[in-house]
Amino acid sequence: MSKTYRRKWFHQGAIIRQRGQVFQVEVNHNGERKRCTWPTLAEAETYAEQKRIEVANRGTSAFALNNSQRLQAVEAFQQLGNIPLSKAVAFYLRHHRPAGGTRTVSELLADYLDAKRKAGRRPDTLTDIKCRIGKLVKKFGSRPMHTLTAAELTGWLDANKYEGVSRANYRRAIMGFFNFAMKKGLLELNPAAAIEKVALDETLPEIFTVAETERLLQATENVYPRLVPAIAIGFFAGLRSAEIEKLDWSAVDIQAKLITVSPKIAKKRRQRHVALSDNLRAWLLPYCQTAGRICPPSAVVVRWRPRIMKQAGLAQWPHNGLRHSFASYHLAQFQDISKTALELGHTRPDVLFNHYRNLVKPADAAAYWKILPTREAQIIQLPAVAS
């Protein structure tokens, strides 16, 4: 039998019933019903209002907060200050649930190399990436890209004792790798950007003296003549080592006194013509061919170079010594920064001005461009080298 109430009404989402001289409040929330009796109507209505506020503070039925969650929310708001909680959540989701999905360091390296290959990067560039990032894979290969931090990357560089130019090169390689990950939507920020940049002291380029240049060419003639054209082109045309390795005799025009460095072998992929000096022409003439690689394979060069250095009485071979020597003696001889930059394939003459100006005395420059072969000019048939 149902109960009979003198009066019933709704207040603040609750049901209030009068039962005799008291008032009963019924609150329904999350499928639960709760009743409470108060001696006066005012107290019943106050209770109903408190329950409404409590429900609003806890959230809707689908996202109701328990006491522990409410305490966590209060702590989060205190830490965020004026930053809206929604923005903090969005930031977390971007960094911990990347839009592009999740890829490990090892998985992404394969994608990175493939992308560089399709973009037309040269084999030596791909080898450099594979070497440097490959070392990173050995340490963090199974880690998702978005979980790596700047502190971890810096610690890895420190553990491997990478310093100076080596550290700068690894930082550059890592930057490129993580930039690729950002383009793929695998992370929001590049952690490598926070790695401290290496401050490198400016150093003057090391060059061969005139006497060393002469002794080195003569020793090459005596020990391994096959290498004479490559060494001479390095000294008197200033081509990069990588360019000389790929240079073909068909690019050397003895009559026009020009060497054509094609985009295919040029570092900047721009064609340039390098003048053939009189003494370089004399060094090349006995070895000239219509076609074929000028330089022997790099493994052969590495094997013969120590013997040539011993014959020449040289204790060391300066880094990029041939090209640096050309730049120094050419600038000192012709006093034309633009002309020297054009021969080298530089787009910024100021690099030459800062590094090579006043490095060589005029008298030494004049002697350098008069270095000639000691042997009588005779045609030497070189062995064919595969292109």
Protein backbone atom coordinates (compact mmCIF):
# COMPACT_ATOMS: atom_id res chain seq x y z
CA MET A 1 0.00 0.00 0.00
CA SER A 2 1.44 3.36 -1.06
CA LYS A 3 2.12 6.00 1.46
CA THR A 4 0.08 9.18 1.54
CA TYR A 5 1.90 12.53 1.81
CA ARG A 6 0.26 15.76 2.72
CA ARG A 7 2.33 17.58 0.11
CA LYS A 8 5.14 16.89 -2.50
CA TRP A 9 7.15 19.23 -4.65
CA PHE A 10 10.50 19.50 -6.53
CA HIS A 11 13.36 21.70 -5.41
CA GLN A 12 16.85 21.95 -6.96
CA GLY A 13 16.42 18.57 -8.64
CA ALA A 14 15.35 16.85 -5.41
CA ILE A 15 11.91 15.67 -4.30
CA ILE A 16 10.62 17.04 -1.03
CA ARG A 17 7.66 15.35 0.68
CA GLN A 18 5.90 16.47 3.81
CA ARG A 19 5.28 13.61 6.22
CA GLY A 20 3.38 14.82 9.19
CA GLN A 21 5.43 17.50 10.87
CA VAL A 22 8.72 16.66 9.09
CA PHE A 23 10.04 16.97 5.53
CA GLN A 24 11.70 14.15 3.61
CA VAL A 25 14.24 14.95 0.84
CA GLU A 26 14.89 12.39 -1.91
CA VAL A 27 17.99 12.74 -4.10
CA ASN A 28 18.61 10.45 -7.10
CA HIS A 29 22.12 10.36 -8.60
CA ASN A 30 24.02 7.73 -10.61
CA GLY A 31 21.16 5.28 -10.19
CA GLU A 32 21.23 5.58 -6.41
CA ARG A 33 18.45 7.01 -4.26
CA LYS A 34 19.16 8.74 -1.00
CA ARG A 35 16.55 10.03 1.51
CA CYS A 36 16.97 12.28 4.47
CA THR A 37 14.37 13.79 6.88
CA TRP A 38 14.50 17.34 8.26
CA PRO A 39 12.33 19.02 10.85
CA THR A 40 11.69 22.17 8.79
CA LEU A 41 11.09 22.93 5.12
CA ALA A 42 13.93 25.47 5.09
CA GLU A 43 16.42 22.84 6.25
CA ALA A 44 15.14 20.37 3.64
CA GLU A 45 15.53 22.92 0.84
CA THR A 46 19.08 23.83 2.05
CA TYR A 47 20.01 20.15 2.00
CA ALA A 48 18.67 19.80 -1.56
CA GLU A 49 20.72 22.80 -2.67
CA GLN A 50 23.90 21.39 -1.05
CA LYS A 51 23.40 18.07 -2.86
CA ARG A 52 22.96 19.86 -6.19
CA ILE A 53 26.23 21.74 -5.67
CA GLU A 54 27.99 18.55 -4.58
CA VAL A 55 26.87 16.72 -7.70
CA ALA A 56 27.97 19.63 -9.90
CA ASN A 57 31.40 19.67 -8.25
CA ARG A 58 31.87 15.94 -8.66
CA GLY A 59 30.87 15.96 -12.31
CA THR A 60 28.30 14.22 -14.41
CA SER A 61 27.37 10.61 -13.90
CA ALA A 62 29.85 9.51 -16.63
CA PHE A 63 32.79 11.45 -15.16
CA ALA A 64 32.08 11.64 -11.46
CA LEU A 65 35.15 12.23 -9.33
CA ASN A 66 35.81 10.32 -6.14
CA ASN A 67 37.55 11.95 -3.19
CA SER A 68 41.04 10.88 -4.30
CA GLN A 69 40.49 12.27 -7.80
CA ARG A 70 39.23 15.56 -6.46
CA LEU A 71 42.39 15.93 -4.35
CA GLN A 72 44.53 15.18 -7.41
CA ALA A 73 42.61 17.78 -9.41
CA VAL A 74 43.17 20.41 -6.73
CA GLU A 75 46.93 19.62 -6.71
CA ALA A 76 47.05 19.82 -10.52
CA PHE A 77 45.35 23.23 -10.56
CA GLN A 78 47.80 24.50 -7.96
CA GLN A 79 50.76 23.42 -10.10
CA LEU A 80 49.29 24.81 -13.32
CA GLY A 81 48.60 28.24 -11.93
CA ASN A 82 46.78 30.24 -14.61
CA ILE A 83 47.17 27.57 -17.30
CA PRO A 84 43.82 25.94 -18.14
CA LEU A 85 43.64 22.24 -17.36
CA SER A 86 42.39 21.55 -20.89
CA LYS A 87 45.59 22.99 -22.38
CA ALA A 88 47.73 20.88 -20.08
CA VAL A 89 45.82 17.77 -21.14
CA ALA A 90 46.19 18.68 -24.82
CA PHE A 91 49.95 19.14 -24.35
CA TYR A 92 50.24 15.76 -22.65
CA LEU A 93 48.32 14.02 -25.41
CA ARG A 94 50.46 15.59 -28.14
CA HIS A 95 53.66 14.37 -26.51
CA HIS A 96 52.53 10.99 -25.23
CA ARG A 97 50.07 10.06 -27.93
CA PRO A 98 51.66 11.43 -31.14
CA ALA A 99 49.30 12.19 -34.01
CA GLY A 100 51.49 10.17 -36.36
CA GLY A 101 51.49 7.11 -34.15
CA THR A 102 54.45 5.46 -32.48
CA ARG A 103 57.70 4.40 -34.13
CA THR A 104 60.86 3.12 -32.49
CA VAL A 105 64.26 4.65 -33.18
CA SER A 106 65.27 1.54 -35.11
CA GLU A 107 62.12 1.53 -37.25
CA LEU A 108 62.40 5.20 -38.11
CA LEU A 109 66.03 4.92 -39.26
CA ALA A 110 64.92 2.61 -42.08
CA ASP A 111 62.24 5.15 -43.09
CA TYR A 112 64.72 8.02 -42.83
CA LEU A 113 67.29 6.35 -45.08
CA ASP A 114 64.59 5.45 -47.58
CA ALA A 115 63.35 9.04 -47.68
CA LYS A 116 66.87 10.40 -48.17
CA ARG A 117 67.51 7.86 -50.91
CA LYS A 118 64.34 8.91 -52.73
CA ALA A 119 65.33 12.56 -52.31
CA GLY A 120 68.48 11.84 -54.31
CA ARG A 121 71.06 12.00 -51.53
CA ARG A 122 74.43 10.61 -52.52
CA PRO A 123 75.84 7.30 -51.21
CA ASP A 124 78.40 9.00 -48.97
CA THR A 125 75.60 11.02 -47.31
CA LEU A 126 73.54 7.87 -46.74
CA THR A 127 76.61 6.12 -45.32
CA ASP A 128 77.22 9.01 -42.90
CA ILE A 129 73.60 8.86 -41.68
CA LYS A 130 73.70 5.09 -41.33
CA CYS A 131 76.93 5.30 -39.33
CA ARG A 132 76.00 8.11 -36.93
CA ILE A 133 72.32 7.34 -36.35
CA GLY A 134 73.15 3.63 -36.39
CA LYS A 135 75.16 4.19 -33.21
CA LEU A 136 72.13 5.88 -31.67
CA VAL A 137 70.05 2.84 -32.63
CA LYS A 138 72.42 0.54 -30.73
CA LYS A 139 71.62 2.46 -27.55
CA PHE A 140 67.96 3.43 -27.99
CA GLY A 141 66.75 1.21 -30.85
CA SER A 142 63.69 -0.21 -29.10
CA ARG A 143 62.57 3.13 -27.63
CA PRO A 144 59.63 5.02 -29.17
CA MET A 145 60.89 8.24 -30.73
CA HIS A 146 58.68 10.52 -28.64
CA THR A 147 60.06 9.17 -25.34
CA LEU A 148 63.67 10.28 -25.83
CA THR A 149 64.75 13.41 -23.98
CA ALA A 150 67.47 16.00 -24.46
CA ALA A 151 69.11 14.82 -21.22
CA GLU A 152 69.35 11.26 -22.55
CA LEU A 153 70.81 12.38 -25.87
CA THR A 154 73.34 14.63 -24.14
CA GLY A 155 74.26 11.77 -21.81
CA TRP A 156 74.80 9.51 -24.82
CA LEU A 157 77.15 12.04 -26.44
CA ASP A 158 79.04 12.37 -23.14
CA ALA A 159 79.30 8.60 -22.65
CA ASN A 160 80.84 8.23 -26.11
CA LYS A 161 83.25 11.09 -25.40
CA TYR A 162 82.24 13.01 -28.53
CA GLU A 163 83.88 16.42 -28.39
CA GLY A 164 84.72 19.31 -30.69
CA VAL A 165 83.96 18.83 -34.38
CA SER A 166 82.91 15.22 -33.81
CA ARG A 167 80.28 16.25 -31.25
CA ALA A 168 79.04 19.03 -33.54
CA ASN A 169 78.65 16.55 -36.41
CA TYR A 170 76.71 14.08 -34.27
CA ARG A 171 74.44 16.84 -32.98
CA ARG A 172 73.75 17.91 -36.56
CA ALA A 173 72.94 14.33 -37.60
CA ILE A 174 70.61 13.80 -34.63
CA MET A 175 68.86 17.11 -35.30
CA GLY A 176 68.07 16.03 -38.84
CA PHE A 177 66.81 12.65 -37.69
CA PHE A 178 64.42 14.10 -35.11
CA ASN A 179 63.25 16.82 -37.51
CA PHE A 180 62.22 14.01 -39.84
CA ALA A 181 60.28 12.43 -36.95
CA MET A 182 58.48 15.74 -36.36
CA LYS A 183 57.46 15.92 -40.03
CA LYS A 184 55.98 12.44 -39.62
CA GLY A 185 53.95 13.59 -36.61
CA LEU A 186 55.83 11.28 -34.25
CA LEU A 187 56.73 14.02 -31.78
CA GLU A 188 55.86 17.64 -31.09
CA LEU A 189 59.29 19.06 -30.25
CA ASN A 190 62.84 18.14 -31.26
CA PRO A 191 64.78 17.15 -28.11
CA ALA A 192 68.09 17.53 -29.95
CA ALA A 193 67.45 21.28 -30.22
CA ALA A 194 68.09 21.52 -26.47
CA ILE A 195 71.54 19.92 -26.76
CA GLU A 196 74.15 22.58 -26.08
CA LYS A 197 75.86 23.73 -29.26
CA VAL A 198 79.59 23.15 -29.51
CA ALA A 199 81.73 26.29 -29.54
CA LEU A 200 84.52 25.63 -32.03
CA ASP A 201 87.63 27.77 -32.10
CA GLU A 202 88.50 29.05 -35.54
CA THR A 203 91.63 27.36 -36.87
CA LEU A 204 93.74 28.32 -39.86
CA PRO A 205 93.75 25.71 -42.63
CA GLU A 206 96.85 23.52 -42.74
CA ILE A 207 98.70 23.56 -46.03
CA PHE A 208 101.79 22.02 -47.63
CA THR A 209 104.83 24.24 -48.00
CA VAL A 210 106.28 24.73 -51.46
CA ALA A 211 109.11 22.33 -50.65
CA GLU A 212 106.71 19.70 -49.28
CA THR A 213 104.50 20.01 -52.35
CA GLU A 214 107.46 19.46 -54.65
CA ARG A 215 108.78 16.49 -52.65
CA LEU A 216 105.34 14.88 -52.48
CA LEU A 217 104.79 15.05 -56.24
CA GLN A 218 108.27 13.72 -56.97
CA ALA A 219 107.78 10.88 -54.49
CA THR A 220 104.46 10.01 -56.13
CA GLU A 221 106.21 9.87 -59.50
CA ASN A 222 108.77 7.46 -58.11
CA VAL A 223 106.60 5.27 -55.88
CA TYR A 224 103.19 5.11 -57.60
CA PRO A 225 102.89 7.17 -60.82
CA ARG A 226 99.25 6.08 -61.21
CA LEU A 227 98.35 8.61 -58.49
CA VAL A 228 100.23 11.60 -59.96
CA PRO A 229 97.26 13.11 -61.89
CA ALA A 230 94.95 12.99 -58.85
CA ILE A 231 97.55 14.58 -56.55
CA ALA A 232 98.41 17.25 -59.10
CA ILE A 233 94.75 18.15 -59.66
CA GLY A 234 94.30 18.48 -55.91
CA PHE A 235 97.30 20.80 -55.60
CA PHE A 236 96.81 22.95 -58.70
CA ALA A 237 93.03 22.81 -59.40
CA GLY A 238 91.72 22.60 -55.82
CA LEU A 239 89.03 19.98 -56.43
CA ARG A 240 87.58 18.27 -53.37
CA SER A 241 88.75 14.75 -52.62
CA ALA A 242 85.28 13.35 -53.37
CA GLU A 243 85.25 15.21 -56.70
CA ILE A 244 88.68 13.91 -57.69
CA GLU A 245 87.65 10.34 -56.86
CA LYS A 246 84.78 10.58 -59.38
CA LEU A 247 86.47 12.77 -62.00
CA ASP A 248 86.80 11.29 -65.49
CA TRP A 249 89.47 12.07 -68.06
CA SER A 250 86.71 13.12 -70.45
CA ALA A 251 86.19 16.19 -68.20
CA VAL A 252 89.79 17.35 -68.72
CA ASP A 253 90.33 19.50 -71.81
CA ILE A 254 94.07 19.89 -72.23
CA GLN A 255 93.75 22.13 -75.30
CA ALA A 256 91.17 24.49 -73.77
CA LYS A 257 93.05 24.28 -70.43
CA LEU A 258 89.86 23.58 -68.48
CA ILE A 259 88.55 20.96 -66.07
CA THR A 260 84.76 20.62 -66.00
CA VAL A 261 83.31 19.62 -62.65
CA SER A 262 79.85 18.35 -63.53
CA PRO A 263 76.81 18.60 -61.21
CA LYS A 264 76.94 14.83 -60.89
CA ILE A 265 80.18 14.95 -58.89
CA ALA A 266 80.16 18.52 -57.50
CA LYS A 267 79.34 18.83 -53.82
CA LYS A 268 76.80 21.61 -54.42
CA ARG A 269 75.49 19.87 -57.58
CA ARG A 270 76.41 22.92 -59.66
CA GLN A 271 78.69 22.72 -62.68
CA ARG A 272 81.86 24.79 -62.66
CA HIS A 273 84.97 25.12 -64.81
CA VAL A 274 88.42 25.18 -63.23
CA ALA A 275 91.33 26.68 -65.12
CA LEU A 276 94.21 24.36 -65.99
CA SER A 277 97.40 26.16 -64.97
CA ASP A 278 100.52 25.72 -67.10
CA ASN A 279 102.28 23.61 -64.51
CA LEU A 280 99.20 21.40 -63.93
CA ARG A 281 99.00 20.85 -67.69
CA ALA A 282 102.61 19.69 -67.62
CA TRP A 283 101.87 17.26 -64.80
CA LEU A 284 98.81 15.80 -66.57
CA LEU A 285 100.05 15.64 -70.15
CA PRO A 286 102.06 12.39 -69.83
CA TYR A 287 99.08 10.57 -68.30
CA CYS A 288 96.20 11.94 -70.40
CA GLN A 289 93.52 9.59 -71.69
CA THR A 290 90.28 10.14 -73.55
CA ALA A 291 88.15 8.53 -70.83
CA GLY A 292 88.31 6.60 -67.57
CA ARG A 293 88.59 7.47 -63.92
CA ILE A 294 91.55 9.68 -63.09
CA CYS A 295 91.94 8.54 -59.49
CA PRO A 296 92.55 4.95 -58.39
CA PRO A 297 90.05 3.40 -55.95
CA SER A 298 90.19 4.84 -52.43
CA ALA A 299 91.43 1.54 -50.99
CA VAL A 300 94.42 1.69 -53.34
CA VAL A 301 95.15 5.30 -52.38
CA VAL A 302 95.06 4.43 -48.68
CA ARG A 303 97.50 1.59 -49.26
CA TRP A 304 100.04 3.64 -51.22
CA ARG A 305 99.87 6.97 -49.42
CA PRO A 306 102.06 5.98 -46.41
CA ARG A 307 104.79 4.79 -48.78
CA ILE A 308 104.65 8.03 -50.73
CA MET A 309 104.80 10.09 -47.54
CA LYS A 310 107.82 8.13 -46.32
CA GLN A 311 109.61 8.70 -49.63
CA ALA A 312 108.78 12.44 -49.42
CA GLY A 313 109.88 12.70 -45.80
CA LEU A 314 106.44 13.83 -44.60
CA ALA A 315 105.31 13.01 -41.06
CA GLN A 316 101.67 14.02 -41.61
CA TRP A 317 99.15 14.78 -44.31
CA PRO A 318 97.13 17.90 -43.40
CA HIS A 319 93.36 17.51 -43.50
CA ASN A 320 92.19 18.66 -46.95
CA GLY A 321 95.81 19.70 -47.44
CA LEU A 322 95.72 19.66 -51.25
CA ARG A 323 92.61 21.85 -51.58
CA HIS A 324 93.68 24.20 -48.79
CA SER A 325 97.09 24.60 -50.42
CA PHE A 326 95.48 25.46 -53.75
CA ALA A 327 93.22 28.08 -52.16
CA SER A 328 96.07 29.69 -50.23
CA TYR A 329 98.58 29.87 -53.06
CA HIS A 330 95.96 30.83 -55.67
CA LEU A 331 94.68 33.75 -53.60
CA ALA A 332 98.21 34.93 -52.84
CA GLN A 333 99.22 34.68 -56.51
CA PHE A 334 96.21 36.29 -58.19
CA GLN A 335 94.93 38.56 -55.36
CA ASP A 336 91.37 38.02 -56.55
CA ILE A 337 89.00 36.57 -53.95
CA SER A 338 86.10 36.22 -56.40
CA LYS A 339 88.25 34.34 -58.90
CA THR A 340 89.58 31.94 -56.27
CA ALA A 341 86.06 31.38 -54.88
CA LEU A 342 84.79 30.62 -58.39
CA GLU A 343 87.53 28.03 -58.94
CA LEU A 344 86.74 26.37 -55.58
CA GLY A 345 82.98 26.40 -56.10
CA HIS A 346 82.35 28.70 -53.14
CA THR A 347 79.32 30.98 -53.13
CA ARG A 348 80.66 33.19 -50.32
CA PRO A 349 83.99 34.94 -50.96
CA ASP A 350 84.12 36.06 -47.32
CA VAL A 351 85.01 32.48 -46.31
CA LEU A 352 88.20 32.77 -48.35
CA PHE A 353 88.92 36.25 -47.02
CA ASN A 354 88.65 35.10 -43.42
CA HIS A 355 90.60 31.85 -43.79
CA TYR A 356 93.21 32.26 -46.50
CA ARG A 357 94.15 35.94 -46.69
CA ASN A 358 97.81 36.56 -45.81
CA LEU A 359 98.40 32.84 -45.22
CA VAL A 360 101.05 32.64 -47.97
CA LYS A 361 103.79 35.09 -48.95
CA PRO A 362 103.80 36.31 -52.58
CA ALA A 363 107.26 34.83 -53.21
CA ASP A 364 106.11 31.38 -52.09
CA ALA A 365 102.98 31.65 -54.25
CA ALA A 366 105.09 32.43 -57.32
CA ALA A 367 107.32 29.41 -56.63
CA TYR A 368 104.31 27.14 -56.07
CA TRP A 369 102.89 27.72 -59.55
CA LYS A 370 106.28 26.92 -61.11
CA ILE A 371 106.52 23.41 -59.66
CA LEU A 372 107.04 21.14 -62.66
CA PRO A 373 107.66 17.42 -63.25
CA THR A 374 111.28 16.31 -63.07
CA ARG A 375 110.79 13.55 -65.59
CA GLU A 376 110.88 14.24 -69.29
CA ALA A 377 107.42 14.49 -70.79
CA GLN A 378 106.46 11.14 -72.21
CA ILE A 379 103.09 9.52 -72.66
CA ILE A 380 102.40 6.94 -69.94
CA GLN A 381 99.61 4.46 -70.57
CA LEU A 382 97.63 4.08 -67.34
CA PRO A 383 95.75 0.89 -66.51
CA ALA A 384 92.02 1.09 -67.18
CA VAL A 385 89.94 1.96 -64.12
CA ALA A 386 86.27 0.98 -63.94
CA SER A 387 83.92 3.96 -63.95
